[in-house]
Amino acid sequence: MIRSELIQKIADDNPHLYQRDVERIVNTIFDEITGAMSQGDRVELRGFGAFSVKKRDARVGRNPRTGETVHVDEKHVPFFKTGKLLRDRLNGKS
């Protein structure tokens, strides 16, 4: 599902809301999650999962084509851990 499909689904399920308002709500939620993660905070959505940021240390890597060593800088990457309810639902336990 992509963002526009999510917006359309929510708008269809809530006919009393205008589509532009639903779009603003969805964009605000994503912006808040992104903003919190960019500050290094953890975002938890109970039953769904938790978004966090993990730090990857600098290291020496290899160019797979040439075999030459390459310095890879330290970086921060997004990480998502599923919640128990979502895992159970995906595995048919609930």
Protein backbone atom coordinates (compact mmCIF):
# COMPACT_ATOMS: atom_id res chain seq x y z
CA MET A 1 0.00 0.00 0.00
CA ILE A 2 1.32 3.44 -0.89
CA ARG A 3 0.50 6.77 0.76
CA SER A 4 -2.20 7.74 -1.76
CA GLU A 5 -3.92 4.35 -1.32
CA LEU A 6 -3.86 4.81 2.46
CA ILE A 7 -5.39 8.27 2.13
CA GLN A 8 -8.09 6.96 -0.22
CA LYS A 9 -8.91 4.02 2.10
CA ILE A 10 -9.28 6.29 5.13
CA ALA A 11 -11.38 8.77 3.13
CA ASP A 12 -13.65 5.95 1.90
CA ASP A 13 -14.08 4.58 5.43
CA ASN A 14 -14.88 8.06 6.80
CA PRO A 15 -17.27 9.79 4.36
CA HIS A 16 -17.82 12.65 6.82
CA LEU A 17 -14.19 13.77 6.29
CA TYR A 18 -12.96 15.63 3.24
CA GLN A 19 -10.16 13.93 1.32
CA ARG A 20 -7.92 16.99 1.70
CA ASP A 21 -8.35 16.77 5.49
CA VAL A 22 -7.49 13.06 5.49
CA GLU A 23 -4.41 13.82 3.38
CA ARG A 24 -3.36 16.53 5.84
CA ILE A 25 -3.82 14.11 8.78
CA VAL A 26 -1.77 11.32 7.16
CA ASN A 27 0.99 13.74 6.14
CA THR A 28 1.09 15.21 9.67
CA ILE A 29 1.46 11.74 11.21
CA PHE A 30 4.32 10.84 8.88
CA ASP A 31 5.99 14.23 9.42
CA GLU A 32 5.81 13.80 13.21
CA ILE A 33 7.30 10.30 13.04
CA THR A 34 10.08 11.53 10.74
CA GLY A 35 10.76 14.56 12.93
CA ALA A 36 10.96 12.51 16.11
CA MET A 37 13.30 9.99 14.50
CA SER A 38 15.54 12.74 13.12
CA GLN A 39 15.99 13.95 16.71
CA GLY A 40 16.95 10.42 17.75
CA ASP A 41 13.67 9.66 19.52
CA ARG A 42 11.83 6.34 19.43
CA VAL A 43 8.25 6.25 18.11
CA GLU A 44 6.02 3.46 19.39
CA LEU A 45 2.60 2.61 17.99
CA ARG A 46 1.08 0.08 20.41
CA GLY A 47 0.13 -3.17 18.70
CA PHE A 48 1.86 -2.14 15.46
CA GLY A 49 5.51 -1.62 16.26
CA ALA A 50 8.28 0.78 17.15
CA PHE A 51 10.44 2.97 14.93
CA SER A 52 13.91 3.85 16.14
CA VAL A 53 17.28 4.96 14.84
CA LYS A 54 20.37 2.75 15.01
CA LYS A 55 23.92 3.98 14.67
CA ARG A 56 26.29 2.15 12.35
CA ASP A 57 29.94 2.75 13.18
CA ALA A 58 32.51 3.75 10.58
CA ARG A 59 34.24 0.77 9.02
CA VAL A 60 36.46 -0.37 6.21
CA GLY A 61 34.53 -2.01 3.39
CA ARG A 62 35.39 -3.46 0.00
CA ASN A 63 34.35 -2.48 -3.47
CA PRO A 64 32.89 -5.77 -4.77
CA ARG A 65 33.87 -5.01 -8.35
CA THR A 66 37.53 -4.17 -7.82
CA GLY A 67 38.24 -5.60 -4.37
CA GLU A 68 39.68 -2.24 -3.35
CA THR A 69 39.23 -1.21 0.31
CA VAL A 70 36.90 1.72 0.88
CA HIS A 71 36.29 3.78 4.02
CA VAL A 72 32.59 3.82 4.97
CA ASP A 73 31.55 6.70 7.23
CA GLU A 74 29.46 6.39 10.37
CA LYS A 75 25.74 6.65 9.66
CA HIS A 76 22.34 6.46 11.29
CA VAL A 77 19.71 4.14 9.82
CA PRO A 78 15.98 3.72 10.55
CA PHE A 79 14.92 0.52 12.29
CA PHE A 80 11.44 -0.96 12.74
CA LYS A 81 10.51 -3.64 15.24
CA THR A 82 7.05 -5.16 14.91
CA GLY A 83 4.71 -5.25 17.86
CA LYS A 84 3.40 -8.47 19.37
CA LEU A 85 -0.16 -7.99 18.04
CA LEU A 86 1.08 -7.44 14.49
CA ARG A 87 3.41 -10.47 14.65
CA ASP A 88 0.60 -12.66 16.00
CA ARG A 89 -1.82 -11.47 13.33
CA LEU A 90 0.70 -12.09 10.54
CA ASN A 91 1.27 -15.60 11.86
CA GLY A 92 -2.45 -16.39 12.12
CA LYS A 93 -2.55 -16.60 15.89
CA SER A 94 -5.28 -14.03 16.36
